[in-house]
């Protein structure tokens, strides 16, 4: 496969990953409402660093060890608990406060990424093979792939967050603040329940 095609593929996978609704996107949207688009970019950067660290582990360790998929479905149960915990913190927010922005600190985002079984599976089954394919084309290709993916991820996440921020004045109306944050909390619960369901089906119904 031509180098330019592999580069475009790495960027595209990152763009798709950044635009897919999930816990991180919900965290970014929460920060957009709480402190505006510029401050939400800090959450995006923290999430990108957390994801890069975990992705690097996948590239350097887990792929080489050929870890069974069961492991990643198992850690999703822990990830669901983290999502429920974060949802409980969002549920009680009734007004905008700078204190609310601390809900998604770097340690929490890192923990959320580590315990996201779907993230591990996505990287091992989709990204890792392409990263090593690029590594065969160019020296350090696996590192280049990681960089391309994260650039694509950050770009699409920022674009989606910016579009969402255009609706911030409407969503910040007094009567809507509590409803909006409760909606985000319910989304996190949904993602948690989805993780539990998918993992349960994997273990008790089969592949």
Protein backbone atom coordinates (compact mmCIF):
# COMPACT_ATOMS: atom_id res chain seq x y z
CA UNK A 1 0.00 0.00 0.00
CA UNK A 2 1.42 3.46 -0.94
CA UNK A 3 2.76 5.56 1.94
CA UNK A 4 0.36 8.45 1.25
CA UNK A 5 -2.60 6.05 1.41
CA UNK A 6 -1.42 4.70 4.76
CA UNK A 7 -1.01 8.24 6.11
CA UNK A 8 -4.52 9.19 5.00
CA UNK A 9 -5.85 6.00 6.56
CA UNK A 10 -4.24 6.83 9.91
CA UNK A 11 -5.70 10.33 9.90
CA UNK A 12 -9.12 9.05 8.84
CA UNK A 13 -9.28 6.48 11.62
CA UNK A 14 -8.45 9.24 14.11
CA UNK A 15 -11.11 11.54 12.65
CA UNK A 16 -13.72 8.80 12.90
CA UNK A 17 -12.65 7.93 16.44
CA UNK A 18 -12.90 11.55 17.54
CA UNK A 19 -16.37 12.04 16.06
CA UNK A 20 -17.93 8.90 17.53
CA UNK A 21 -20.16 9.69 20.56
CA UNK A 22 -18.80 8.29 23.79
CA UNK A 23 -17.68 9.11 27.35
CA UNK A 24 -14.83 11.40 26.25
CA UNK A 25 -17.05 13.39 23.90
CA UNK A 26 -19.58 13.73 26.72
CA UNK A 27 -16.80 15.04 28.98
CA UNK A 28 -15.82 17.60 26.34
CA UNK A 29 -19.42 18.74 25.86
CA UNK A 30 -19.77 19.12 29.63
CA UNK A 31 -16.71 21.36 29.76
CA UNK A 32 -17.99 23.39 26.80
CA UNK A 33 -21.15 24.18 28.78
CA UNK A 34 -19.31 24.71 32.02
CA UNK A 35 -16.47 26.94 30.86
CA UNK A 36 -16.72 27.49 27.11
CA UNK A 37 -15.00 26.07 24.04
CA UNK A 38 -11.49 27.34 24.86
CA UNK A 39 -11.48 25.64 28.26
CA UNK A 40 -12.92 22.47 26.78
CA UNK A 41 -9.79 22.26 24.63
CA UNK A 42 -7.85 21.54 27.82
CA UNK A 43 -10.03 18.49 28.42
CA UNK A 44 -9.45 17.42 24.82
CA UNK A 45 -5.67 17.69 25.26
CA UNK A 46 -5.79 15.74 28.53
CA UNK A 47 -7.90 13.05 26.88
CA UNK A 48 -5.52 12.91 23.92
CA UNK A 49 -2.50 12.47 26.20
CA UNK A 50 -4.31 9.76 28.17
CA UNK A 51 -5.32 7.98 24.97
CA UNK A 52 -1.81 8.28 23.53
CA UNK A 53 -0.28 6.71 26.63
CA UNK A 54 -2.66 3.76 26.54
CA UNK A 55 -2.34 3.39 22.76
CA UNK A 56 1.45 3.36 23.10
CA UNK A 57 1.16 0.51 25.60
CA UNK A 58 -1.02 -1.36 23.11
CA UNK A 59 1.53 -0.86 20.35
CA UNK A 60 4.60 -1.71 22.39
CA UNK A 61 3.35 -4.41 24.75
CA UNK A 62 -0.08 -5.93 24.33
CA UNK A 63 0.10 -6.65 20.62
CA UNK A 64 3.44 -8.39 21.08
CA UNK A 65 2.06 -10.50 23.93
CA UNK A 66 -1.08 -11.41 21.97
CA UNK A 67 -3.41 -10.79 24.94
CA UNK A 68 -6.78 -12.65 24.66
CA UNK A 69 -9.85 -10.53 23.87
CA UNK A 70 -11.50 -11.82 27.07
CA UNK A 71 -9.21 -9.51 29.02
CA UNK A 72 -10.49 -6.39 27.34
CA UNK A 73 -14.12 -7.33 27.78
CA UNK A 74 -13.40 -8.02 31.46
CA UNK A 75 -11.93 -4.57 32.14
CA UNK A 76 -15.03 -3.01 30.57
CA UNK A 77 -16.92 -3.94 33.74
CA UNK A 78 -14.54 -1.69 35.69
CA UNK A 79 -14.97 1.02 33.08
CA UNK A 80 -18.72 0.88 33.54
CA UNK A 81 -18.30 1.59 37.26
CA UNK A 82 -16.19 4.66 36.44
CA UNK A 83 -18.89 5.89 34.06
CA UNK A 84 -21.58 5.43 36.71
CA UNK A 85 -19.41 7.31 39.21
CA UNK A 86 -18.92 10.25 36.85
CA UNK A 87 -22.61 10.26 35.99
CA UNK A 88 -23.47 10.61 39.68
CA UNK A 89 -21.30 13.74 39.85
CA UNK A 90 -22.98 15.30 36.81
CA UNK A 91 -26.50 14.47 37.95
CA UNK A 92 -26.51 16.99 40.80
CA UNK A 93 -25.25 19.99 38.80
CA UNK A 94 -27.96 22.64 38.67
CA UNK A 95 -25.91 25.70 37.75
CA UNK A 96 -22.70 26.63 36.00
CA UNK A 97 -19.68 26.82 38.27
CA UNK A 98 -15.94 26.76 37.68
CA UNK A 99 -15.76 23.94 40.23
CA UNK A 100 -17.71 21.69 37.91
CA UNK A 101 -14.82 21.64 35.45
CA UNK A 102 -12.77 19.50 37.85
CA UNK A 103 -15.05 16.54 37.29
CA UNK A 104 -12.98 15.43 34.30
CA UNK A 105 -9.43 15.75 35.60
CA UNK A 106 -6.52 14.03 33.88
CA UNK A 107 -6.41 11.08 36.34
CA UNK A 108 -10.12 10.44 35.75
CA UNK A 109 -9.76 10.67 31.97
CA UNK A 110 -6.77 8.32 32.11
CA UNK A 111 -8.70 5.86 34.27
CA UNK A 112 -11.66 6.10 31.92
CA UNK A 113 -9.41 5.31 28.95
CA UNK A 114 -7.61 2.43 30.67
CA UNK A 115 -10.91 0.81 31.66
CA UNK A 116 -12.50 1.25 28.24
CA UNK A 117 -12.43 -2.27 26.84
CA UNK A 118 -13.85 -1.10 23.49
CA UNK A 119 -10.87 1.24 23.13
CA UNK A 120 -8.39 -1.61 23.62
CA UNK A 121 -10.22 -3.86 21.18
CA UNK A 122 -10.44 -1.09 18.57
CA UNK A 123 -6.71 -0.42 18.80
CA UNK A 124 -5.64 -4.07 18.78
CA UNK A 125 -7.96 -5.29 16.02
CA UNK A 126 -7.98 -2.21 13.76
CA UNK A 127 -5.17 0.21 14.56
CA UNK A 128 -2.26 -2.03 15.55
CA UNK A 129 -2.18 -4.02 12.27
CA UNK A 130 -2.16 -0.77 10.30
CA UNK A 131 0.49 0.73 12.55
CA UNK A 132 2.83 -2.19 11.98
CA UNK A 133 2.05 -2.16 8.26
CA UNK A 134 3.13 1.48 8.17
CA UNK A 135 6.21 0.52 10.19
CA UNK A 136 7.19 -1.86 7.40
CA UNK A 137 6.88 0.96 4.88
CA UNK A 138 8.85 3.55 6.83
CA UNK A 139 11.12 3.39 9.88
CA UNK A 140 9.20 4.40 12.99
CA UNK A 141 5.92 3.97 11.14
CA UNK A 142 4.08 2.74 14.24
CA UNK A 143 4.96 5.99 16.03
CA UNK A 144 3.92 7.99 12.97
CA UNK A 145 0.60 6.15 12.90
CA UNK A 146 -0.05 7.01 16.53
CA UNK A 147 0.72 10.67 15.82
CA UNK A 148 -1.53 10.72 12.74
CA UNK A 149 -4.37 9.06 14.62
CA UNK A 150 -4.20 11.52 17.51
CA UNK A 151 -4.02 14.55 15.17
CA UNK A 152 -7.13 13.27 13.40
CA UNK A 153 -8.83 12.55 16.73
CA UNK A 154 -8.09 16.00 18.15
CA UNK A 155 -9.19 17.73 14.94
CA UNK A 156 -12.57 16.04 14.68
CA UNK A 157 -13.24 16.30 18.42
CA UNK A 158 -12.46 20.02 18.35
CA UNK A 159 -14.69 20.60 15.32
CA UNK A 160 -17.63 18.77 16.90
CA UNK A 161 -17.08 20.61 20.20
CA UNK A 162 -16.94 23.98 18.42
CA UNK A 163 -20.22 23.27 16.63
CA UNK A 164 -21.75 22.25 19.95
CA UNK A 165 -20.45 25.44 21.58
CA UNK A 166 -22.52 27.53 19.15
CA UNK A 167 -25.60 26.29 21.02
CA UNK A 168 -24.13 27.14 24.43
CA UNK A 169 -26.15 30.38 25.01
CA UNK A 170 -29.38 28.46 24.45
CA UNK A 171 -28.36 25.50 26.60
CA UNK A 172 -27.22 27.73 29.47
CA UNK A 173 -30.68 29.15 30.11
CA UNK A 174 -31.49 28.69 33.77
CA UNK A 175 -34.25 26.16 33.22
CA UNK A 176 -32.14 24.05 30.91
CA UNK A 177 -28.86 23.75 32.84
CA UNK A 178 -30.03 21.00 35.17
CA UNK A 179 -31.77 19.15 32.33
CA UNK A 180 -28.68 19.30 30.11
CA UNK A 181 -26.31 17.95 32.77
CA UNK A 182 -28.79 15.24 33.73
CA UNK A 183 -28.92 14.30 30.05
CA UNK A 184 -25.13 14.00 30.00
CA UNK A 185 -25.27 11.91 33.16
CA UNK A 186 -27.80 9.58 31.55
CA UNK A 187 -25.57 9.30 28.48
CA UNK A 188 -22.68 8.17 30.67
CA UNK A 189 -24.97 5.64 32.35
CA UNK A 190 -26.03 4.43 28.90
CA UNK A 191 -22.41 3.95 27.83
CA UNK A 192 -21.75 2.10 31.08
CA UNK A 193 -24.74 -0.19 30.65
CA UNK A 194 -23.75 -0.79 27.04
CA UNK A 195 -20.26 -1.86 28.14
CA UNK A 196 -21.75 -4.24 30.72
CA UNK A 197 -24.17 -5.69 28.18
CA UNK A 198 -21.57 -6.24 25.46
CA UNK A 199 -19.14 -7.87 27.91
CA UNK A 200 -21.87 -10.05 29.43
CA UNK A 201 -22.95 -11.25 26.00
CA UNK A 202 -19.31 -12.01 25.13
CA UNK A 203 -18.75 -14.17 28.21
CA UNK A 204 -22.13 -15.92 28.48
CA UNK A 205 -23.43 -16.11 24.93
CA UNK A 206 -20.20 -16.43 23.01
CA UNK A 207 -18.33 -14.56 20.34
